[in-house]
Amino acid sequence: MREGEYGRLDALDESLWWLAGLRELIVALLDRHVQAQDFTVLDAGCGTGGMLKRIGERFPRAVLHGLDYAEEACAFARRKSRAEIRFGSVERLPWADASFDAVLSLDVLSGDALDPAQAIREFRRVLRPGGVLLLNLPAYQWLHSYHDRATHQSRRFTAGRVRDLCQPAGLEVLQLGYWNTLLFPLMVLRRKVWPLLAGETPDNVAAPSDVQELPQPVNALLGLPVALERALIRRGVSLPFGGSVIAVARRSS
C-alpha cells in the first residue's frame, strides 16, 4: 500500500462501514461452513489485524494465525489480535501441508506483482482435507481506479474468474457471488464519474484510497444495505453483481 494507508486502515478498521461489513460477512460464512468451534484459521494477507480480532471474539476457541508482506501491517496486527503473526508472501506460505481448517484471504490476490494461481495453490496446500477457503476480491477490471492505485492493486475479478482459479487447484466451490450490490451504483459514481466531474481522471495517481473517516450517521446508513446482503448470503443466496466477489471453496482431498 501507499505510505500512510496502513495507519489510516488501522485507525478505521473497527468503524468504517465497509470494513465492518466485510468482517461480519466472513464471520457469518465461517459460522456456516466450519462446523467446529476450535478450528485453526489463517488470514493470508491479514493487514492490520481487524479480521483476526473479530474472529477471535466470535470464536474464542479458534487458533488464529496471520501473515502479511508488510512489516508495518504485521506490527499493527500483533498489537490488535491474539494471533500468531508472520511476515511473508501468500505465494510461499511458511507453514506445513494441511495445517489449517480454514484459510481466508481478503483483497490480497488483486495485489501488484502477485500470481493469484500460485497463491491459490498455496492456500490449498496448507488446508486440511475438508478445510475451507474464503476469498474476497474486488470486482470488475473496468472499475479499476484511484482507490486501487492507492492500495497497490492492479487486478479486479469476476465470479467466473475466481471459479477458474479454484477448480484447477483442486478446490470445490461451495458458494460464489458478489456483495456490496445495493450500493454498487454509488460506487461506480464515486470511482468513475465523480473524478471526471471534479476535473480529474478516474485513475488519478495522487488520490488517496476510499478508506476515509465518515460522519457517523452516513457510516451507519451505508452499513444497512450491507447487513441485508449479509443475511441473504449467509442463507446461500448468490447476488448477481456488486463491488466485490465473495467465494467459499473446499479442499475435498
C-alpha atoms as a PDB file:
ATOM      1  CA  MET A   1       0.000   0.000   0.000  1.00  0.00           C
ATOM      2  CA  ARG A   2       0.967   3.630  -0.448  1.00  0.00           C
ATOM      3  CA  GLU A   3       2.619   5.293   2.558  1.00  0.00           C
ATOM      4  CA  GLY A   4       0.055   6.272   5.179  1.00  0.00           C
ATOM      5  CA  GLU A   5      -2.602   3.785   4.075  1.00  0.00           C
ATOM      6  CA  TYR A   6      -1.843   1.226   6.815  1.00  0.00           C
ATOM      7  CA  GLY A   7      -2.099   3.849   9.543  1.00  0.00           C
ATOM      8  CA  ARG A   8      -5.431   5.059   8.201  1.00  0.00           C
ATOM      9  CA  LEU A   9      -6.650   1.465   7.829  1.00  0.00           C
ATOM     10  CA  ASP A  10      -5.709   0.672  11.414  1.00  0.00           C
ATOM     11  CA  ALA A  11      -7.472   3.770  12.732  1.00  0.00           C
ATOM     12  CA  LEU A  12     -10.709   2.988  10.887  1.00  0.00           C
ATOM     13  CA  ASP A  13     -10.520  -0.816  10.971  1.00  0.00           C
ATOM     14  CA  GLU A  14     -13.310  -1.270  13.504  1.00  0.00           C
ATOM     15  CA  SER A  15     -15.598   1.585  12.494  1.00  0.00           C
ATOM     16  CA  LEU A  16     -15.685   2.089   8.714  1.00  0.00           C
ATOM     17  CA  TRP A  17     -18.890   0.592   7.290  1.00  0.00           C
ATOM     18  CA  TRP A  18     -17.210  -1.402   4.517  1.00  0.00           C
ATOM     19  CA  LEU A  19     -14.539  -2.953   6.725  1.00  0.00           C
ATOM     20  CA  ALA A  20     -17.043  -3.772   9.460  1.00  0.00           C
ATOM     21  CA  GLY A  21     -19.407  -5.248   6.861  1.00  0.00           C
ATOM     22  CA  LEU A  22     -16.691  -7.458   5.399  1.00  0.00           C
ATOM     23  CA  ARG A  23     -15.683  -8.745   8.837  1.00  0.00           C
ATOM     24  CA  GLU A  24     -19.258  -9.667   9.733  1.00  0.00           C
ATOM     25  CA  LEU A  25     -19.761 -11.355   6.362  1.00  0.00           C
ATOM     26  CA  ILE A  26     -16.652 -13.504   6.815  1.00  0.00           C
ATOM     27  CA  VAL A  27     -17.673 -14.434  10.362  1.00  0.00           C
ATOM     28  CA  ALA A  28     -21.127 -15.438   9.082  1.00  0.00           C
ATOM     29  CA  LEU A  29     -19.594 -17.628   6.362  1.00  0.00           C
ATOM     30  CA  LEU A  30     -17.197 -19.270   8.811  1.00  0.00           C
ATOM     31  CA  ASP A  31     -20.182 -19.983  11.043  1.00  0.00           C
ATOM     32  CA  ARG A  32     -21.995 -21.566   8.090  1.00  0.00           C
ATOM     33  CA  HIS A  33     -19.187 -23.623   6.587  1.00  0.00           C
ATOM     34  CA  VAL A  34     -16.934 -24.560   9.542  1.00  0.00           C
ATOM     35  CA  GLN A  35     -18.647 -26.874  11.998  1.00  0.00           C
ATOM     36  CA  ALA A  36     -16.146 -26.940  14.868  1.00  0.00           C
ATOM     37  CA  GLN A  37     -15.590 -24.036  17.274  1.00  0.00           C
ATOM     38  CA  ASP A  38     -11.921 -24.870  17.929  1.00  0.00           C
ATOM     39  CA  PHE A  39     -10.758 -24.644  14.318  1.00  0.00           C
ATOM     40  CA  THR A  40      -7.363 -23.377  13.168  1.00  0.00           C
ATOM     41  CA  VAL A  41      -7.518 -20.445  10.764  1.00  0.00           C
ATOM     42  CA  LEU A  42      -5.017 -18.456   8.687  1.00  0.00           C
ATOM     43  CA  ASP A  43      -5.687 -14.932   7.477  1.00  0.00           C
ATOM     44  CA  ALA A  44      -3.343 -14.811   4.467  1.00  0.00           C
ATOM     45  CA  GLY A  45      -2.747 -11.109   3.953  1.00  0.00           C
ATOM     46  CA  CYS A  46      -4.063 -10.080   7.355  1.00  0.00           C
ATOM     47  CA  GLY A  47      -3.344  -6.359   7.047  1.00  0.00           C
ATOM     48  CA  THR A  48      -3.647  -4.572  10.382  1.00  0.00           C
ATOM     49  CA  GLY A  49      -5.406  -7.494  12.083  1.00  0.00           C
ATOM     50  CA  GLY A  50      -9.022  -6.375  12.385  1.00  0.00           C
ATOM     51  CA  MET A  51     -10.375  -9.557  10.834  1.00  0.00           C
ATOM     52  CA  LEU A  52      -8.365 -11.789  13.159  1.00  0.00           C
ATOM     53  CA  LYS A  53      -9.519  -9.785  16.165  1.00  0.00           C
ATOM     54  CA  ARG A  54     -13.162 -10.204  15.152  1.00  0.00           C
ATOM     55  CA  ILE A  55     -12.766 -13.960  14.537  1.00  0.00           C
ATOM     56  CA  GLY A  56     -11.184 -14.297  17.978  1.00  0.00           C
ATOM     57  CA  GLU A  57     -14.153 -12.508  19.546  1.00  0.00           C
ATOM     58  CA  ARG A  58     -16.733 -14.630  17.749  1.00  0.00           C
ATOM     59  CA  PHE A  59     -14.840 -17.937  18.069  1.00  0.00           C
ATOM     60  CA  PRO A  60     -12.840 -17.740  21.307  1.00  0.00           C
ATOM     61  CA  ARG A  61     -11.603 -21.329  20.929  1.00  0.00           C
ATOM     62  CA  ALA A  62     -10.223 -20.786  17.437  1.00  0.00           C
ATOM     63  CA  VAL A  63      -6.457 -20.882  16.914  1.00  0.00           C
ATOM     64  CA  LEU A  64      -5.517 -17.766  14.951  1.00  0.00           C
ATOM     65  CA  HIS A  65      -2.651 -17.221  12.530  1.00  0.00           C
ATOM     66  CA  GLY A  66      -1.927 -14.298  10.235  1.00  0.00           C
ATOM     67  CA  LEU A  67       0.565 -13.398   7.541  1.00  0.00           C
ATOM     68  CA  ASP A  68       1.342 -10.182   5.704  1.00  0.00           C
ATOM     69  CA  TYR A  69       4.093  -8.987   3.370  1.00  0.00           C
ATOM     70  CA  ALA A  70       4.343  -5.573   5.096  1.00  0.00           C
ATOM     71  CA  GLU A  71       6.163  -5.377   8.425  1.00  0.00           C
ATOM     72  CA  GLU A  72       4.117  -2.292   9.317  1.00  0.00           C
ATOM     73  CA  ALA A  73       0.890  -4.263   8.932  1.00  0.00           C
ATOM     74  CA  CYS A  74       2.296  -7.172  10.963  1.00  0.00           C
ATOM     75  CA  ALA A  75       3.132  -4.808  13.816  1.00  0.00           C
ATOM     76  CA  PHE A  76      -0.406  -3.436  13.891  1.00  0.00           C
ATOM     77  CA  ALA A  77      -1.858  -6.977  13.748  1.00  0.00           C
ATOM     78  CA  ARG A  78       0.277  -8.232  16.633  1.00  0.00           C
ATOM     79  CA  ARG A  79      -0.930  -5.396  18.845  1.00  0.00           C
ATOM     80  CA  LYS A  80      -4.554  -5.787  17.838  1.00  0.00           C
ATOM     81  CA  SER A  81      -5.142  -9.559  17.887  1.00  0.00           C
ATOM     82  CA  ARG A  82      -4.085 -12.644  19.851  1.00  0.00           C
ATOM     83  CA  ALA A  83      -2.968 -14.324  16.621  1.00  0.00           C
ATOM     84  CA  GLU A  84       0.478 -15.601  15.744  1.00  0.00           C
ATOM     85  CA  ILE A  85       1.569 -13.183  13.000  1.00  0.00           C
ATOM     86  CA  ARG A  86       4.302 -13.962  10.485  1.00  0.00           C
ATOM     87  CA  PHE A  87       5.920 -11.848   7.806  1.00  0.00           C
ATOM     88  CA  GLY A  88       5.879 -13.407   4.353  1.00  0.00           C
ATOM     89  CA  SER A  89       4.242 -13.868   0.967  1.00  0.00           C
ATOM     90  CA  VAL A  90       0.997 -15.685   0.162  1.00  0.00           C
ATOM     91  CA  GLU A  91       2.874 -17.266  -2.753  1.00  0.00           C
ATOM     92  CA  ARG A  92       5.195 -19.102  -0.316  1.00  0.00           C
ATOM     93  CA  LEU A  93       3.360 -19.740   2.927  1.00  0.00           C
ATOM     94  CA  PRO A  94       5.705 -20.642   5.807  1.00  0.00           C
ATOM     95  CA  TRP A  95       3.542 -23.494   7.137  1.00  0.00           C
ATOM     96  CA  ALA A  96       3.497 -27.235   6.575  1.00  0.00           C
ATOM     97  CA  ASP A  97       0.972 -29.021   4.391  1.00  0.00           C
ATOM     98  CA  ALA A  98      -2.519 -29.488   5.883  1.00  0.00           C
ATOM     99  CA  SER A  99      -2.025 -27.016   8.732  1.00  0.00           C
ATOM    100  CA  PHE A 100      -5.389 -25.234   8.783  1.00  0.00           C
ATOM    101  CA  ASP A 101      -9.120 -25.918   8.908  1.00  0.00           C
ATOM    102  CA  ALA A 102      -9.811 -22.570   7.241  1.00  0.00           C
ATOM    103  CA  VAL A 103      -7.843 -20.051   5.197  1.00  0.00           C
ATOM    104  CA  LEU A 104      -9.144 -16.638   4.329  1.00  0.00           C
ATOM    105  CA  SER A 105      -7.618 -14.062   2.031  1.00  0.00           C
ATOM    106  CA  LEU A 106      -9.336 -10.708   1.682  1.00  0.00           C
ATOM    107  CA  ASP A 107      -8.482  -8.347  -1.184  1.00  0.00           C
ATOM    108  CA  VAL A 108      -4.984  -9.792  -1.482  1.00  0.00           C
ATOM    109  CA  LEU A 109      -4.887 -11.644  -4.821  1.00  0.00           C
ATOM    110  CA  SER A 110      -5.538  -8.344  -6.579  1.00  0.00           C
ATOM    111  CA  GLY A 111      -2.147  -7.043  -5.464  1.00  0.00           C
ATOM    112  CA  ASP A 112       0.599  -5.851  -7.804  1.00  0.00           C
ATOM    113  CA  ALA A 113       3.285  -8.387  -8.801  1.00  0.00           C
ATOM    114  CA  LEU A 114       1.433 -11.347  -7.301  1.00  0.00           C
ATOM    115  CA  ASP A 115       0.474 -14.580  -9.065  1.00  0.00           C
ATOM    116  CA  PRO A 116      -3.107 -15.431  -7.996  1.00  0.00           C
ATOM    117  CA  ALA A 117      -2.903 -19.017  -9.265  1.00  0.00           C
ATOM    118  CA  GLN A 118       0.247 -19.705  -7.246  1.00  0.00           C
ATOM    119  CA  ALA A 119      -1.341 -18.211  -4.138  1.00  0.00           C
ATOM    120  CA  ILE A 120      -4.449 -20.372  -4.577  1.00  0.00           C
ATOM    121  CA  ARG A 121      -2.243 -23.475  -4.846  1.00  0.00           C
ATOM    122  CA  GLU A 122      -0.547 -22.482  -1.603  1.00  0.00           C
ATOM    123  CA  PHE A 123      -3.884 -21.961   0.118  1.00  0.00           C
ATOM    124  CA  ARG A 124      -4.953 -25.467  -0.901  1.00  0.00           C
ATOM    125  CA  ARG A 125      -1.640 -26.945   0.217  1.00  0.00           C
ATOM    126  CA  VAL A 126      -1.945 -25.641   3.780  1.00  0.00           C
ATOM    127  CA  LEU A 127      -5.636 -26.575   4.074  1.00  0.00           C
ATOM    128  CA  ARG A 128      -6.553 -29.875   5.677  1.00  0.00           C
ATOM    129  CA  PRO A 129      -8.842 -32.213   3.678  1.00  0.00           C
ATOM    130  CA  GLY A 130     -12.341 -30.823   4.163  1.00  0.00           C
ATOM    131  CA  GLY A 131     -10.961 -27.389   5.048  1.00  0.00           C
ATOM    132  CA  VAL A 132     -12.445 -24.259   3.514  1.00  0.00           C
ATOM    133  CA  LEU A 133     -11.006 -21.247   1.724  1.00  0.00           C
ATOM    134  CA  LEU A 134     -12.782 -17.877   1.912  1.00  0.00           C
ATOM    135  CA  LEU A 135     -11.884 -15.244  -0.662  1.00  0.00           C
ATOM    136  CA  ASN A 136     -12.951 -11.638  -1.041  1.00  0.00           C
ATOM    137  CA  LEU A 137     -11.775  -9.818  -4.159  1.00  0.00           C
ATOM    138  CA  PRO A 138     -12.533  -6.501  -5.869  1.00  0.00           C
ATOM    139  CA  ALA A 139     -14.898  -6.919  -8.818  1.00  0.00           C
ATOM    140  CA  TYR A 140     -14.667  -5.888 -12.500  1.00  0.00           C
ATOM    141  CA  GLN A 141     -11.466  -4.714 -14.131  1.00  0.00           C
ATOM    142  CA  TRP A 142     -13.291  -1.774 -15.729  1.00  0.00           C
ATOM    143  CA  LEU A 143     -13.840  -0.402 -12.202  1.00  0.00           C
ATOM    144  CA  HIS A 144     -10.090  -0.052 -11.567  1.00  0.00           C
ATOM    145  CA  SER A 145      -9.498   3.459 -10.227  1.00  0.00           C
ATOM    146  CA  TYR A 146      -7.555   5.769  -7.921  1.00  0.00           C
ATOM    147  CA  HIS A 147      -8.535   3.558  -4.955  1.00  0.00           C
ATOM    148  CA  ASP A 148      -6.769   0.532  -6.465  1.00  0.00           C
ATOM    149  CA  ARG A 149      -3.693   2.593  -7.254  1.00  0.00           C
ATOM    150  CA  ALA A 150      -3.504   3.877  -3.673  1.00  0.00           C
ATOM    151  CA  THR A 151      -3.714   0.321  -2.328  1.00  0.00           C
ATOM    152  CA  HIS A 152      -1.356  -1.104  -4.998  1.00  0.00           C
ATOM    153  CA  GLN A 153      -3.949  -3.375  -6.590  1.00  0.00           C
ATOM    154  CA  SER A 154      -3.639  -3.955 -10.315  1.00  0.00           C
ATOM    155  CA  ARG A 155      -6.379  -6.509 -10.987  1.00  0.00           C
ATOM    156  CA  ARG A 156     -10.056  -6.951 -10.307  1.00  0.00           C
ATOM    157  CA  PHE A 157     -12.087 -10.145 -10.694  1.00  0.00           C
ATOM    158  CA  THR A 158     -15.366 -11.691 -11.759  1.00  0.00           C
ATOM    159  CA  ALA A 159     -17.062 -14.663 -10.146  1.00  0.00           C
ATOM    160  CA  GLY A 160     -16.189 -16.748 -13.207  1.00  0.00           C
ATOM    161  CA  ARG A 161     -12.519 -15.852 -12.910  1.00  0.00           C
ATOM    162  CA  VAL A 162     -12.480 -16.897  -9.253  1.00  0.00           C
ATOM    163  CA  ARG A 163     -14.073 -20.246 -10.142  1.00  0.00           C
ATOM    164  CA  ASP A 164     -11.445 -20.751 -12.848  1.00  0.00           C
ATOM    165  CA  LEU A 165      -8.710 -20.196 -10.258  1.00  0.00           C
ATOM    166  CA  CYS A 166     -10.149 -22.548  -7.643  1.00  0.00           C
ATOM    167  CA  GLN A 167     -11.160 -25.587  -9.662  1.00  0.00           C
ATOM    168  CA  PRO A 168      -7.780 -26.366 -11.313  1.00  0.00           C
ATOM    169  CA  ALA A 169      -6.164 -26.130  -7.885  1.00  0.00           C
ATOM    170  CA  GLY A 170      -8.391 -28.926  -6.563  1.00  0.00           C
ATOM    171  CA  LEU A 171     -10.862 -26.762  -4.664  1.00  0.00           C
ATOM    172  CA  GLU A 172     -14.600 -27.387  -4.829  1.00  0.00           C
ATOM    173  CA  VAL A 173     -16.546 -24.118  -4.978  1.00  0.00           C
ATOM    174  CA  LEU A 174     -19.315 -24.176  -2.369  1.00  0.00           C
ATOM    175  CA  GLN A 175     -20.573 -20.606  -2.583  1.00  0.00           C
ATOM    176  CA  LEU A 176     -19.780 -17.881  -5.108  1.00  0.00           C
ATOM    177  CA  GLY A 177     -21.285 -14.485  -5.835  1.00  0.00           C
ATOM    178  CA  TYR A 178     -20.974 -10.780  -5.198  1.00  0.00           C
ATOM    179  CA  TRP A 179     -21.739  -8.321  -2.411  1.00  0.00           C
ATOM    180  CA  ASN A 180     -21.928  -4.548  -1.989  1.00  0.00           C
ATOM    181  CA  THR A 181     -24.690  -4.864  -4.574  1.00  0.00           C
ATOM    182  CA  LEU A 182     -27.242  -2.298  -3.391  1.00  0.00           C
ATOM    183  CA  LEU A 183     -24.587   0.408  -3.120  1.00  0.00           C
ATOM    184  CA  PHE A 184     -22.873  -0.571  -6.368  1.00  0.00           C
ATOM    185  CA  PRO A 185     -24.284   2.367  -8.401  1.00  0.00           C
ATOM    186  CA  LEU A 186     -22.891   4.788  -5.816  1.00  0.00           C
ATOM    187  CA  MET A 187     -19.523   3.036  -6.015  1.00  0.00           C
ATOM    188  CA  VAL A 188     -19.427   3.473  -9.786  1.00  0.00           C
ATOM    189  CA  LEU A 189     -20.334   7.135  -9.446  1.00  0.00           C
ATOM    190  CA  ARG A 190     -17.660   7.690  -6.779  1.00  0.00           C
ATOM    191  CA  ARG A 191     -14.879   5.828  -8.547  1.00  0.00           C
ATOM    192  CA  LYS A 192     -15.553   6.681 -12.205  1.00  0.00           C
ATOM    193  CA  VAL A 193     -17.956   9.605 -12.625  1.00  0.00           C
ATOM    194  CA  TRP A 194     -17.178  11.955  -9.745  1.00  0.00           C
ATOM    195  CA  PRO A 195     -13.438  12.310 -10.585  1.00  0.00           C
ATOM    196  CA  LEU A 196     -14.384  13.399 -14.109  1.00  0.00           C
ATOM    197  CA  LEU A 197     -16.887  15.944 -12.818  1.00  0.00           C
ATOM    198  CA  ALA A 198     -14.199  17.251 -10.468  1.00  0.00           C
ATOM    199  CA  GLY A 199     -11.813  17.729 -13.385  1.00  0.00           C
ATOM    200  CA  GLU A 200      -9.659  14.741 -12.504  1.00  0.00           C
ATOM    201  CA  THR A 201      -9.084  11.424 -14.219  1.00  0.00           C
ATOM    202  CA  PRO A 202     -10.589   8.266 -12.673  1.00  0.00           C
ATOM    203  CA  ASP A 203      -7.067   6.897 -12.257  1.00  0.00           C
ATOM    204  CA  ASN A 204      -5.583   9.939 -10.534  1.00  0.00           C
ATOM    205  CA  VAL A 205      -2.337   8.557  -9.121  1.00  0.00           C
ATOM    206  CA  ALA A 206      -2.200  11.161  -6.342  1.00  0.00           C
ATOM    207  CA  ALA A 207      -5.652  10.453  -4.895  1.00  0.00           C
ATOM    208  CA  PRO A 208      -5.898   8.575  -1.578  1.00  0.00           C
ATOM    209  CA  SER A 209      -7.969   5.429  -1.181  1.00  0.00           C
ATOM    210  CA  ASP A 210     -11.604   5.415  -0.085  1.00  0.00           C
ATOM    211  CA  VAL A 211     -10.549   4.347   3.414  1.00  0.00           C
ATOM    212  CA  GLN A 212     -11.609   7.665   4.926  1.00  0.00           C
ATOM    213  CA  GLU A 213     -13.447   8.657   8.082  1.00  0.00           C
ATOM    214  CA  LEU A 214     -17.117   9.451   7.521  1.00  0.00           C
ATOM    215  CA  PRO A 215     -19.715  11.202   9.680  1.00  0.00           C
ATOM    216  CA  GLN A 216     -21.287   8.599  11.953  1.00  0.00           C
ATOM    217  CA  PRO A 217     -24.830   8.946  10.531  1.00  0.00           C
ATOM    218  CA  VAL A 218     -23.506   8.407   6.997  1.00  0.00           C
ATOM    219  CA  ASN A 219     -21.374   5.482   8.122  1.00  0.00           C
ATOM    220  CA  ALA A 220     -24.366   3.853   9.857  1.00  0.00           C
ATOM    221  CA  LEU A 221     -26.634   4.420   6.853  1.00  0.00           C
ATOM    222  CA  LEU A 222     -24.162   2.793   4.453  1.00  0.00           C
ATOM    223  CA  GLY A 223     -23.939  -0.228   6.726  1.00  0.00           C
ATOM    224  CA  LEU A 224     -27.655  -1.040   6.464  1.00  0.00           C
ATOM    225  CA  PRO A 225     -27.731  -2.456   2.904  1.00  0.00           C
ATOM    226  CA  VAL A 226     -24.568  -4.431   3.629  1.00  0.00           C
ATOM    227  CA  ALA A 227     -26.288  -6.042   6.623  1.00  0.00           C
ATOM    228  CA  LEU A 228     -29.244  -7.019   4.428  1.00  0.00           C
ATOM    229  CA  GLU A 229     -26.939  -8.567   1.832  1.00  0.00           C
ATOM    230  CA  ARG A 230     -25.093 -10.484   4.552  1.00  0.00           C
ATOM    231  CA  ALA A 231     -28.337 -12.056   5.734  1.00  0.00           C
ATOM    232  CA  LEU A 232     -29.036 -13.251   2.187  1.00  0.00           C
ATOM    233  CA  ILE A 233     -25.527 -14.553   1.521  1.00  0.00           C
ATOM    234  CA  ARG A 234     -25.486 -16.409   4.840  1.00  0.00           C
ATOM    235  CA  ARG A 235     -28.530 -18.323   3.609  1.00  0.00           C
ATOM    236  CA  GLY A 236     -26.766 -19.299   0.396  1.00  0.00           C
ATOM    237  CA  VAL A 237     -28.114 -16.594  -1.917  1.00  0.00           C
ATOM    238  CA  SER A 238     -25.687 -15.593  -4.700  1.00  0.00           C
ATOM    239  CA  LEU A 239     -26.050 -11.928  -5.586  1.00  0.00           C
ATOM    240  CA  PRO A 240     -25.576 -11.332  -9.339  1.00  0.00           C
ATOM    241  CA  PHE A 241     -23.262  -8.289  -9.218  1.00  0.00           C
ATOM    242  CA  GLY A 242     -21.540  -5.975  -6.776  1.00  0.00           C
ATOM    243  CA  GLY A 243     -18.346  -4.226  -5.832  1.00  0.00           C
ATOM    244  CA  SER A 244     -16.658  -7.391  -4.530  1.00  0.00           C
ATOM    245  CA  VAL A 245     -16.595 -11.108  -5.306  1.00  0.00           C
ATOM    246  CA  ILE A 246     -17.098 -13.418  -2.328  1.00  0.00           C
ATOM    247  CA  ALA A 247     -16.242 -17.123  -2.560  1.00  0.00           C
ATOM    248  CA  VAL A 248     -16.101 -20.213  -0.350  1.00  0.00           C
ATOM    249  CA  ALA A 249     -14.277 -23.306  -1.612  1.00  0.00           C
ATOM    250  CA  ARG A 250     -13.370 -26.628  -0.003  1.00  0.00           C
ATOM    251  CA  ARG A 251     -10.381 -28.919  -0.273  1.00  0.00           C
ATOM    252  CA  SER A 252     -12.013 -32.297  -0.757  1.00  0.00           C
ATOM    253  CA  SER A 253      -8.884 -34.459  -0.549  1.00  0.00           C
END
